[in-house]
Amino acid sequence: MEQILSHTCGSFENCTETNIQTFLTQCYEENIDPQYCLSWIAEHNAKIPNWANVSKISQEWINGHTSTGSTFFNNEGDVLR
């Protein structure tokens, strides 16, 4: 995941609404559960500018691309476990 993040976003600080989708797509293509990848990204949400929008776009991607899409975040953008 770290290698995919480096390739798609560069760093947590550079994650955007656009490149987070690329990150999740790459995880999926590498047979890494995108929900797991999103949970890993969410653990670092304090480093991600505009996390509220990035998490919203990420969740929409998960819901549209996986059969088990589920909510990971509460209204404040905190990870639900």
Protein backbone atom coordinates (compact mmCIF):
# COMPACT_ATOMS: atom_id res chain seq x y z
CA MET A 1 0.00 0.00 0.00
CA GLU A 2 2.82 2.37 0.80
CA GLN A 3 4.26 1.86 -2.68
CA ILE A 4 0.86 2.47 -4.28
CA LEU A 5 0.38 5.60 -2.18
CA SER A 6 3.80 6.86 -3.21
CA HIS A 7 3.01 6.22 -6.89
CA THR A 8 -0.53 7.68 -6.90
CA CYS A 9 -0.50 10.45 -4.29
CA GLY A 10 3.14 10.95 -3.39
CA SER A 11 2.31 11.36 0.29
CA PHE A 12 -0.67 11.61 2.62
CA GLU A 13 -0.41 15.39 2.40
CA ASN A 14 -0.93 15.21 -1.37
CA CYS A 15 -4.02 12.98 -1.32
CA THR A 16 -6.87 14.65 -3.20
CA GLU A 17 -10.36 13.70 -4.28
CA THR A 18 -8.93 12.70 -7.66
CA ASN A 19 -5.82 10.74 -6.77
CA ILE A 20 -7.45 8.86 -3.88
CA GLN A 21 -9.64 7.17 -6.48
CA THR A 22 -6.53 6.21 -8.42
CA PHE A 23 -5.03 4.86 -5.18
CA LEU A 24 -8.12 2.72 -4.51
CA THR A 25 -8.19 1.50 -8.11
CA GLN A 26 -4.53 0.48 -7.91
CA CYS A 27 -5.17 -1.36 -4.64
CA TYR A 28 -8.05 -3.21 -6.31
CA GLU A 29 -5.93 -4.07 -9.35
CA GLU A 30 -3.16 -5.40 -7.07
CA ASN A 31 -5.71 -7.63 -5.29
CA ILE A 32 -5.52 -5.63 -2.07
CA ASP A 33 -8.92 -5.05 -0.49
CA PRO A 34 -9.77 -1.39 -1.22
CA GLN A 35 -11.69 -1.16 2.05
CA TYR A 36 -8.54 -2.19 3.89
CA CYS A 37 -6.56 0.40 1.92
CA LEU A 38 -9.12 3.07 2.77
CA SER A 39 -8.96 2.16 6.44
CA TRP A 40 -5.19 2.51 6.31
CA ILE A 41 -5.47 5.93 4.63
CA ALA A 42 -8.11 7.00 7.18
CA GLU A 43 -5.70 6.26 10.04
CA HIS A 44 -3.63 9.15 8.67
CA ASN A 45 -6.53 11.54 8.04
CA ALA A 46 -4.96 14.34 10.09
CA LYS A 47 -2.26 14.60 7.41
CA ILE A 48 -4.73 14.80 4.52
CA PRO A 49 -5.95 18.27 3.56
CA ASN A 50 -9.70 18.44 2.90
CA TRP A 51 -10.18 15.02 4.51
CA ALA A 52 -13.97 15.42 4.64
CA ASN A 53 -14.22 15.55 0.83
CA VAL A 54 -11.50 12.96 0.27
CA SER A 55 -13.28 10.52 2.61
CA LYS A 56 -16.65 11.19 0.93
CA ILE A 57 -15.24 10.51 -2.54
CA SER A 58 -13.41 7.44 -1.21
CA GLN A 59 -16.58 6.01 0.31
CA GLU A 60 -18.48 6.62 -2.91
CA TRP A 61 -15.74 4.75 -4.81
CA ILE A 62 -15.92 1.85 -2.33
CA ASN A 63 -19.70 1.67 -2.60
CA GLY A 64 -19.54 1.71 -6.38
CA HIS A 65 -16.70 -0.76 -6.84
CA THR A 66 -17.05 -3.38 -4.12
CA SER A 67 -19.85 -5.73 -3.24
CA THR A 68 -19.50 -5.05 0.47
CA GLY A 69 -19.25 -1.26 0.49
CA SER A 70 -20.02 0.05 3.94
CA THR A 71 -19.68 3.27 5.87
CA PHE A 72 -16.31 3.80 7.50
CA PHE A 73 -16.79 7.35 8.74
CA ASN A 74 -19.11 9.28 11.01
CA ASN A 75 -20.26 12.83 10.23
CA GLU A 76 -17.01 14.29 11.55
CA GLY A 77 -14.94 12.11 9.23
CA ASP A 78 -13.72 9.83 12.02
CA VAL A 79 -13.10 6.19 11.24
CA LEU A 80 -15.75 3.80 12.51
CA ARG A 81 -14.43 0.39 13.47
